[in-house]
Amino acid sequence: MITKLKLDRFRKFNGDLDKWVLSQKDGRDEVLNGAEWEQIDKVMQRLRLGKQVNSTKEYRDETERVLKKTLEDEEAITMAKSMA
């Protein structure tokens, strides 16, 4: 599950994977791992795409399902939407 803390970490690095990786002193981040980073990145891509084009109802519904499945709670969903 992606938490608000993990979203905040992603936002701190502006979604820049290289900056995040280079910031890790021992090669690890105590809050977020690579798989979670990838999940957040995919969610952000989906949300941005939905904003850029006239998305279908099916796409919007699927996006909501992905958000509910991936993110911790409604606050995290709201946070992710505001980040996209």
PDB file of N, CA and C in Angstrom:
ATOM      1  N   MET A   1       0.831  -1.179   0.000  1.00  0.00           N
ATOM      2  CA  MET A   1       0.000   0.000   0.000  1.00  0.00           C
ATOM      3  C   MET A   1       0.883   1.252   0.000  1.00  0.00           C
ATOM      4  N   ILE A   2       0.492   2.187  -0.802  1.00  0.00           N
ATOM      5  CA  ILE A   2       1.203   3.454  -0.876  1.00  0.00           C
ATOM      6  C   ILE A   2       0.573   4.421   0.133  1.00  0.00           C
ATOM      7  N   THR A   3       1.405   4.916   1.029  1.00  0.00           N
ATOM      8  CA  THR A   3       0.952   5.815   2.093  1.00  0.00           C
ATOM      9  C   THR A   3       1.235   7.271   1.723  1.00  0.00           C
ATOM     10  N   LYS A   4       0.686   8.180   2.522  1.00  0.00           N
ATOM     11  CA  LYS A   4       0.956   9.600   2.329  1.00  0.00           C
ATOM     12  C   LYS A   4       2.437   9.897   2.530  1.00  0.00           C
ATOM     13  N   LEU A   5       3.075   9.216   3.449  1.00  0.00           N
ATOM     14  CA  LEU A   5       4.502   9.404   3.688  1.00  0.00           C
ATOM     15  C   LEU A   5       5.307   9.028   2.436  1.00  0.00           C
ATOM     16  N   LYS A   6       4.923   7.949   1.784  1.00  0.00           N
ATOM     17  CA  LYS A   6       5.624   7.520   0.572  1.00  0.00           C
ATOM     18  C   LYS A   6       5.371   8.500  -0.577  1.00  0.00           C
ATOM     19  N   LEU A   7       4.142   8.983  -0.673  1.00  0.00           N
ATOM     20  CA  LEU A   7       3.841   9.996  -1.685  1.00  0.00           C
ATOM     21  C   LEU A   7       4.650  11.265  -1.436  1.00  0.00           C
ATOM     22  N   ASP A   8       4.780  11.625  -0.165  1.00  0.00           N
ATOM     23  CA  ASP A   8       5.548  12.819   0.185  1.00  0.00           C
ATOM     24  C   ASP A   8       7.015  12.652  -0.216  1.00  0.00           C
ATOM     25  N   ARG A   9       7.560  11.461  -0.018  1.00  0.00           N
ATOM     26  CA  ARG A   9       8.950  11.195  -0.410  1.00  0.00           C
ATOM     27  C   ARG A   9       9.086  11.336  -1.929  1.00  0.00           C
ATOM     28  N   PHE A  10       8.134  10.791  -2.668  1.00  0.00           N
ATOM     29  CA  PHE A  10       8.145  10.895  -4.120  1.00  0.00           C
ATOM     30  C   PHE A  10       8.092  12.369  -4.539  1.00  0.00           C
ATOM     31  N   ARG A  11       7.235  13.135  -3.885  1.00  0.00           N
ATOM     32  CA  ARG A  11       7.088  14.555  -4.199  1.00  0.00           C
ATOM     33  C   ARG A  11       8.358  15.327  -3.854  1.00  0.00           C
ATOM     34  N   LYS A  12       9.016  14.947  -2.756  1.00  0.00           N
ATOM     35  CA  LYS A  12      10.244  15.625  -2.330  1.00  0.00           C
ATOM     36  C   LYS A  12      11.282  15.622  -3.452  1.00  0.00           C
ATOM     37  N   PHE A  13      11.325  14.535  -4.215  1.00  0.00           N
ATOM     38  CA  PHE A  13      12.285  14.419  -5.309  1.00  0.00           C
ATOM     39  C   PHE A  13      11.645  14.740  -6.658  1.00  0.00           C
ATOM     40  N   ASN A  14      10.462  15.307  -6.604  1.00  0.00           N
ATOM     41  CA  ASN A  14       9.768  15.744  -7.816  1.00  0.00           C
ATOM     42  C   ASN A  14       9.623  14.613  -8.831  1.00  0.00           C
ATOM     43  N   GLY A  15       9.512  13.387  -8.333  1.00  0.00           N
ATOM     44  CA  GLY A  15       9.360  12.231  -9.212  1.00  0.00           C
ATOM     45  C   GLY A  15      10.625  11.864  -9.975  1.00  0.00           C
ATOM     46  N   ASP A  16      11.758  12.448  -9.585  1.00  0.00           N
ATOM     47  CA  ASP A  16      13.025  12.197 -10.282  1.00  0.00           C
ATOM     48  C   ASP A  16      13.731  10.995  -9.650  1.00  0.00           C
ATOM     49  N   LEU A  17      13.658   9.876 -10.330  1.00  0.00           N
ATOM     50  CA  LEU A  17      14.224   8.630  -9.823  1.00  0.00           C
ATOM     51  C   LEU A  17      15.719   8.754  -9.562  1.00  0.00           C
ATOM     52  N   ASP A  18      16.443   9.370 -10.464  1.00  0.00           N
ATOM     53  CA  ASP A  18      17.895   9.497 -10.293  1.00  0.00           C
ATOM     54  C   ASP A  18      18.258  10.278  -9.031  1.00  0.00           C
ATOM     55  N   LYS A  19      17.576  11.396  -8.808  1.00  0.00           N
ATOM     56  CA  LYS A  19      17.854  12.186  -7.601  1.00  0.00           C
ATOM     57  C   LYS A  19      17.561  11.374  -6.343  1.00  0.00           C
ATOM     58  N   TRP A  20      16.469  10.623  -6.376  1.00  0.00           N
ATOM     59  CA  TRP A  20      16.110   9.804  -5.220  1.00  0.00           C
ATOM     60  C   TRP A  20      17.179   8.749  -4.946  1.00  0.00           C
ATOM     61  N   VAL A  21      17.588   8.049  -6.000  1.00  0.00           N
ATOM     62  CA  VAL A  21      18.595   6.997  -5.842  1.00  0.00           C
ATOM     63  C   VAL A  21      19.907   7.589  -5.332  1.00  0.00           C
ATOM     64  N   LEU A  22      20.329   8.698  -5.907  1.00  0.00           N
ATOM     65  CA  LEU A  22      21.598   9.316  -5.506  1.00  0.00           C
ATOM     66  C   LEU A  22      21.560   9.870  -4.081  1.00  0.00           C
ATOM     67  N   SER A  23      20.379  10.143  -3.572  1.00  0.00           N
ATOM     68  CA  SER A  23      20.258  10.691  -2.211  1.00  0.00           C
ATOM     69  C   SER A  23      20.456   9.630  -1.128  1.00  0.00           C
ATOM     70  N   GLN A  24      20.394   8.375  -1.500  1.00  0.00           N
ATOM     71  CA  GLN A  24      20.457   7.295  -0.521  1.00  0.00           C
ATOM     72  C   GLN A  24      21.912   6.992  -0.158  1.00  0.00           C
ATOM     73  N   LYS A  25      22.228   7.199   1.109  1.00  0.00           N
ATOM     74  CA  LYS A  25      23.615   7.026   1.560  1.00  0.00           C
ATOM     75  C   LYS A  25      24.059   5.566   1.537  1.00  0.00           C
ATOM     76  N   ASP A  26      23.219   4.681   1.969  1.00  0.00           N
ATOM     77  CA  ASP A  26      23.603   3.262   2.028  1.00  0.00           C
ATOM     78  C   ASP A  26      22.898   2.426   0.959  1.00  0.00           C
ATOM     79  N   GLY A  27      22.337   3.106  -0.037  1.00  0.00           N
ATOM     80  CA  GLY A  27      21.657   2.388  -1.109  1.00  0.00           C
ATOM     81  C   GLY A  27      20.235   1.984  -0.780  1.00  0.00           C
ATOM     82  N   ARG A  28      19.733   2.478   0.351  1.00  0.00           N
ATOM     83  CA  ARG A  28      18.361   2.142   0.757  1.00  0.00           C
ATOM     84  C   ARG A  28      17.650   3.384   1.256  1.00  0.00           C
ATOM     85  N   ASP A  29      16.360   3.352   1.120  1.00  0.00           N
ATOM     86  CA  ASP A  29      15.498   4.396   1.668  1.00  0.00           C
ATOM     87  C   ASP A  29      14.588   3.692   2.668  1.00  0.00           C
ATOM     88  N   GLU A  30      14.550   4.188   3.879  1.00  0.00           N
ATOM     89  CA  GLU A  30      13.762   3.547   4.943  1.00  0.00           C
ATOM     90  C   GLU A  30      12.256   3.686   4.721  1.00  0.00           C
ATOM     91  N   VAL A  31      11.843   4.635   3.887  1.00  0.00           N
ATOM     92  CA  VAL A  31      10.423   4.911   3.688  1.00  0.00           C
ATOM     93  C   VAL A  31       9.872   4.226   2.441  1.00  0.00           C
ATOM     94  N   LEU A  32      10.653   4.218   1.389  1.00  0.00           N
ATOM     95  CA  LEU A  32      10.156   3.853   0.074  1.00  0.00           C
ATOM     96  C   LEU A  32      11.149   2.924  -0.615  1.00  0.00           C
ATOM     97  N   ASN A  33      10.643   1.899  -1.287  1.00  0.00           N
ATOM     98  CA  ASN A  33      11.540   1.037  -2.060  1.00  0.00           C
ATOM     99  C   ASN A  33      11.273   1.227  -3.555  1.00  0.00           C
ATOM    100  N   GLY A  34      12.089   0.602  -4.371  1.00  0.00           N
ATOM    101  CA  GLY A  34      11.994   0.782  -5.819  1.00  0.00           C
ATOM    102  C   GLY A  34      10.663   0.361  -6.408  1.00  0.00           C
ATOM    103  N   ALA A  35      10.103  -0.729  -5.929  1.00  0.00           N
ATOM    104  CA  ALA A  35       8.811  -1.201  -6.438  1.00  0.00           C
ATOM    105  C   ALA A  35       7.705  -0.201  -6.109  1.00  0.00           C
ATOM    106  N   GLU A  36       7.770   0.377  -4.915  1.00  0.00           N
ATOM    107  CA  GLU A  36       6.770   1.368  -4.527  1.00  0.00           C
ATOM    108  C   GLU A  36       6.936   2.649  -5.346  1.00  0.00           C
ATOM    109  N   TRP A  37       8.197   3.034  -5.589  1.00  0.00           N
ATOM    110  CA  TRP A  37       8.455   4.201  -6.437  1.00  0.00           C
ATOM    111  C   TRP A  37       7.804   3.984  -7.799  1.00  0.00           C
ATOM    112  N   GLU A  38       7.986   2.805  -8.349  1.00  0.00           N
ATOM    113  CA  GLU A  38       7.417   2.483  -9.657  1.00  0.00           C
ATOM    114  C   GLU A  38       5.894   2.537  -9.625  1.00  0.00           C
ATOM    115  N   GLN A  39       5.289   2.037  -8.557  1.00  0.00           N
ATOM    116  CA  GLN A  39       3.824   2.096  -8.427  1.00  0.00           C
ATOM    117  C   GLN A  39       3.342   3.541  -8.420  1.00  0.00           C
ATOM    118  N   ILE A  40       4.015   4.385  -7.640  1.00  0.00           N
ATOM    119  CA  ILE A  40       3.616   5.790  -7.576  1.00  0.00           C
ATOM    120  C   ILE A  40       3.780   6.435  -8.941  1.00  0.00           C
ATOM    121  N   ASP A  41       4.887   6.153  -9.608  1.00  0.00           N
ATOM    122  CA  ASP A  41       5.143   6.719 -10.920  1.00  0.00           C
ATOM    123  C   ASP A  41       4.037   6.329 -11.904  1.00  0.00           C
ATOM    124  N   LYS A  42       3.601   5.085 -11.868  1.00  0.00           N
ATOM    125  CA  LYS A  42       2.528   4.623 -12.755  1.00  0.00           C
ATOM    126  C   LYS A  42       1.208   5.333 -12.440  1.00  0.00           C
ATOM    127  N   VAL A  43       0.923   5.511 -11.152  1.00  0.00           N
ATOM    128  CA  VAL A  43      -0.286   6.225 -10.747  1.00  0.00           C
ATOM    129  C   VAL A  43      -0.232   7.668 -11.253  1.00  0.00           C
ATOM    130  N   MET A  44       0.924   8.310 -11.100  1.00  0.00           N
ATOM    131  CA  MET A  44       1.075   9.694 -11.553  1.00  0.00           C
ATOM    132  C   MET A  44       0.885   9.790 -13.070  1.00  0.00           C
ATOM    133  N   GLN A  45       1.459   8.841 -13.805  1.00  0.00           N
ATOM    134  CA  GLN A  45       1.301   8.834 -15.262  1.00  0.00           C
ATOM    135  C   GLN A  45      -0.167   8.696 -15.649  1.00  0.00           C
ATOM    136  N   ARG A  46      -0.861   7.797 -14.965  1.00  0.00           N
ATOM    137  CA  ARG A  46      -2.279   7.580 -15.256  1.00  0.00           C
ATOM    138  C   ARG A  46      -3.087   8.841 -14.966  1.00  0.00           C
ATOM    139  N   LEU A  47      -2.815   9.478 -13.834  1.00  0.00           N
ATOM    140  CA  LEU A  47      -3.542  10.695 -13.473  1.00  0.00           C
ATOM    141  C   LEU A  47      -3.245  11.831 -14.454  1.00  0.00           C
ATOM    142  N   ARG A  48      -1.988  11.983 -14.826  1.00  0.00           N
ATOM    143  CA  ARG A  48      -1.623  13.051 -15.779  1.00  0.00           C
ATOM    144  C   ARG A  48      -2.253  12.813 -17.141  1.00  0.00           C
ATOM    145  N   LEU A  49      -2.238  11.580 -17.591  1.00  0.00           N
ATOM    146  CA  LEU A  49      -2.847  11.259 -18.877  1.00  0.00           C
ATOM    147  C   LEU A  49      -4.339  11.581 -18.844  1.00  0.00           C
ATOM    148  N   GLY A  50      -4.979  11.253 -17.760  1.00  0.00           N
ATOM    149  CA  GLY A  50      -6.405  11.542 -17.623  1.00  0.00           C
ATOM    150  C   GLY A  50      -6.714  13.024 -17.680  1.00  0.00           C
ATOM    151  N   LYS A  51      -5.783  13.853 -17.246  1.00  0.00           N
ATOM    152  CA  LYS A  51      -5.963  15.306 -17.290  1.00  0.00           C
ATOM    153  C   LYS A  51      -5.694  15.869 -18.681  1.00  0.00           C
ATOM    154  N   GLN A  52      -4.821  15.230 -19.446  1.00  0.00           N
ATOM    155  CA  GLN A  52      -4.380  15.779 -20.726  1.00  0.00           C
ATOM    156  C   GLN A  52      -5.320  15.490 -21.879  1.00  0.00           C
ATOM    157  N   VAL A  53      -6.070  14.453 -21.789  1.00  0.00           N
ATOM    158  CA  VAL A  53      -6.941  14.081 -22.906  1.00  0.00           C
ATOM    159  C   VAL A  53      -8.377  13.967 -22.406  1.00  0.00           C
ATOM    160  N   ASN A  54      -9.287  13.954 -23.338  1.00  0.00           N
ATOM    161  CA  ASN A  54     -10.683  13.716 -22.976  1.00  0.00           C
ATOM    162  C   ASN A  54     -10.836  12.240 -22.687  1.00  0.00           C
ATOM    163  N   SER A  55     -10.592  11.879 -21.444  1.00  0.00           N
ATOM    164  CA  SER A  55     -10.619  10.470 -21.082  1.00  0.00           C
ATOM    165  C   SER A  55     -12.052   9.948 -21.050  1.00  0.00           C
ATOM    166  N   THR A  56     -12.172   8.686 -21.338  1.00  0.00           N
ATOM    167  CA  THR A  56     -13.483   8.052 -21.350  1.00  0.00           C
ATOM    168  C   THR A  56     -13.924   7.760 -19.913  1.00  0.00           C
ATOM    169  N   LYS A  57     -15.183   7.500 -19.767  1.00  0.00           N
ATOM    170  CA  LYS A  57     -15.710   7.120 -18.456  1.00  0.00           C
ATOM    171  C   LYS A  57     -15.032   5.840 -17.980  1.00  0.00           C
ATOM    172  N   GLU A  58     -14.790   4.929 -18.888  1.00  0.00           N
ATOM    173  CA  GLU A  58     -14.136   3.673 -18.536  1.00  0.00           C
ATOM    174  C   GLU A  58     -12.720   3.929 -18.000  1.00  0.00           C
ATOM    175  N   TYR A  59     -12.000   4.851 -18.646  1.00  0.00           N
ATOM    176  CA  TYR A  59     -10.645   5.178 -18.186  1.00  0.00           C
ATOM    177  C   TYR A  59     -10.701   5.811 -16.794  1.00  0.00           C
ATOM    178  N   ARG A  60     -11.635   6.730 -16.588  1.00  0.00           N
ATOM    179  CA  ARG A  60     -11.772   7.383 -15.273  1.00  0.00           C
ATOM    180  C   ARG A  60     -12.155   6.371 -14.202  1.00  0.00           C
ATOM    181  N   ASP A  61     -13.066   5.470 -14.532  1.00  0.00           N
ATOM    182  CA  ASP A  61     -13.476   4.433 -13.574  1.00  0.00           C
ATOM    183  C   ASP A  61     -12.317   3.505 -13.238  1.00  0.00           C
ATOM    184  N   GLU A  62     -11.559   3.122 -14.254  1.00  0.00           N
ATOM    185  CA  GLU A  62     -10.407   2.248 -14.023  1.00  0.00           C
ATOM    186  C   GLU A  62      -9.351   2.969 -13.183  1.00  0.00           C
ATOM    187  N   THR A  63      -9.165   4.247 -13.430  1.00  0.00           N
ATOM    188  CA  THR A  63      -8.216   5.031 -12.635  1.00  0.00           C
ATOM    189  C   THR A  63      -8.634   5.040 -11.167  1.00  0.00           C
ATOM    190  N   GLU A  64      -9.899   5.228 -10.914  1.00  0.00           N
ATOM    191  CA  GLU A  64     -10.387   5.214  -9.526  1.00  0.00           C
ATOM    192  C   GLU A  64     -10.152   3.852  -8.882  1.00  0.00           C
ATOM    193  N   ARG A  65     -10.370   2.778  -9.633  1.00  0.00           N
ATOM    194  CA  ARG A  65     -10.106   1.438  -9.099  1.00  0.00           C
ATOM    195  C   ARG A  65      -8.623   1.256  -8.774  1.00  0.00           C
ATOM    196  N   VAL A  66      -7.756   1.730  -9.667  1.00  0.00           N
ATOM    197  CA  VAL A  66      -6.312   1.630  -9.438  1.00  0.00           C
ATOM    198  C   VAL A  66      -5.923   2.422  -8.188  1.00  0.00           C
ATOM    199  N   LEU A  67      -6.462   3.613  -8.052  1.00  0.00           N
ATOM    200  CA  LEU A  67      -6.144   4.445  -6.887  1.00  0.00           C
ATOM    201  C   LEU A  67      -6.573   3.762  -5.588  1.00  0.00           C
ATOM    202  N   LYS A  68      -7.785   3.234  -5.570  1.00  0.00           N
ATOM    203  CA  LYS A  68      -8.291   2.580  -4.354  1.00  0.00           C
ATOM    204  C   LYS A  68      -7.522   1.311  -4.022  1.00  0.00           C
ATOM    205  N   LYS A  69      -7.051   0.633  -5.048  1.00  0.00           N
ATOM    206  CA  LYS A  69      -6.286  -0.600  -4.840  1.00  0.00           C
ATOM    207  C   LYS A  69      -4.856  -0.309  -4.387  1.00  0.00           C
ATOM    208  N   THR A  70      -4.281   0.772  -4.873  1.00  0.00           N
ATOM    209  CA  THR A  70      -2.867   1.070  -4.675  1.00  0.00           C
ATOM    210  C   THR A  70      -2.595   1.967  -3.472  1.00  0.00           C
ATOM    211  N   LEU A  71      -3.472   2.923  -3.223  1.00  0.00           N
ATOM    212  CA  LEU A  71      -3.227   3.931  -2.185  1.00  0.00           C
ATOM    213  C   LEU A  71      -3.948   3.602  -0.887  1.00  0.00           C
ATOM    214  N   GLU A  72      -3.353   4.034   0.194  1.00  0.00           N
ATOM    215  CA  GLU A  72      -3.771   3.688   1.552  1.00  0.00           C
ATOM    216  C   GLU A  72      -5.207   4.094   1.894  1.00  0.00           C
ATOM    217  N   ASP A  73      -5.575   5.333   1.570  1.00  0.00           N
ATOM    218  CA  ASP A  73      -6.888   5.837   1.970  1.00  0.00           C
ATOM    219  C   ASP A  73      -7.278   7.029   1.100  1.00  0.00           C
ATOM    220  N   GLU A  74      -8.441   7.614   1.411  1.00  0.00           N
ATOM    221  CA  GLU A  74      -8.932   8.739   0.622  1.00  0.00           C
ATOM    222  C   GLU A  74      -7.994   9.948   0.695  1.00  0.00           C
ATOM    223  N   GLU A  75      -7.353  10.156   1.826  1.00  0.00           N
ATOM    224  CA  GLU A  75      -6.400  11.270   1.947  1.00  0.00           C
ATOM    225  C   GLU A  75      -5.222  11.070   0.999  1.00  0.00           C
ATOM    226  N   ALA A  76      -4.730   9.860   0.895  1.00  0.00           N
ATOM    227  CA  ALA A  76      -3.629   9.567  -0.019  1.00  0.00           C
ATOM    228  C   ALA A  76      -4.079   9.736  -1.470  1.00  0.00           C
ATOM    229  N   ILE A  77      -5.308   9.352  -1.767  1.00  0.00           N
ATOM    230  CA  ILE A  77      -5.836   9.520  -3.120  1.00  0.00           C
ATOM    231  C   ILE A  77      -5.923  11.009  -3.466  1.00  0.00           C
ATOM    232  N   THR A  78      -6.435  11.799  -2.546  1.00  0.00           N
ATOM    233  CA  THR A  78      -6.526  13.244  -2.754  1.00  0.00           C
ATOM    234  C   THR A  78      -5.136  13.839  -2.954  1.00  0.00           C
ATOM    235  N   MET A  79      -4.185  13.390  -2.146  1.00  0.00           N
ATOM    236  CA  MET A  79      -2.804  13.882  -2.251  1.00  0.00           C
ATOM    237  C   MET A  79      -2.223  13.542  -3.617  1.00  0.00           C
ATOM    238  N   ALA A  80      -2.403  12.306  -4.071  1.00  0.00           N
ATOM    239  CA  ALA A  80      -1.881  11.885  -5.369  1.00  0.00           C
ATOM    240  C   ALA A  80      -2.497  12.717  -6.492  1.00  0.00           C
ATOM    241  N   LYS A  81      -3.793  12.949  -6.423  1.00  0.00           N
ATOM    242  CA  LYS A  81      -4.455  13.747  -7.457  1.00  0.00           C
ATOM    243  C   LYS A  81      -3.901  15.166  -7.480  1.00  0.00           C
ATOM    244  N   SER A  82      -3.613  15.714  -6.324  1.00  0.00           N
ATOM    245  CA  SER A  82      -3.077  17.081  -6.283  1.00  0.00           C
ATOM    246  C   SER A  82      -1.636  17.135  -6.800  1.00  0.00           C
ATOM    247  N   MET A  83      -0.922  16.032  -6.742  1.00  0.00           N
ATOM    248  CA  MET A  83       0.464  15.975  -7.204  1.00  0.00           C
ATOM    249  C   MET A  83       0.548  15.827  -8.725  1.00  0.00           C
ATOM    250  N   ALA A  84      -0.492  15.295  -9.333  1.00  0.00           N
ATOM    251  CA  ALA A  84      -0.448  14.988 -10.781  1.00  0.00           C
ATOM    252  C   ALA A  84      -0.628  16.231 -11.628  1.00  0.00           C
TER     253      ALA A  84
END
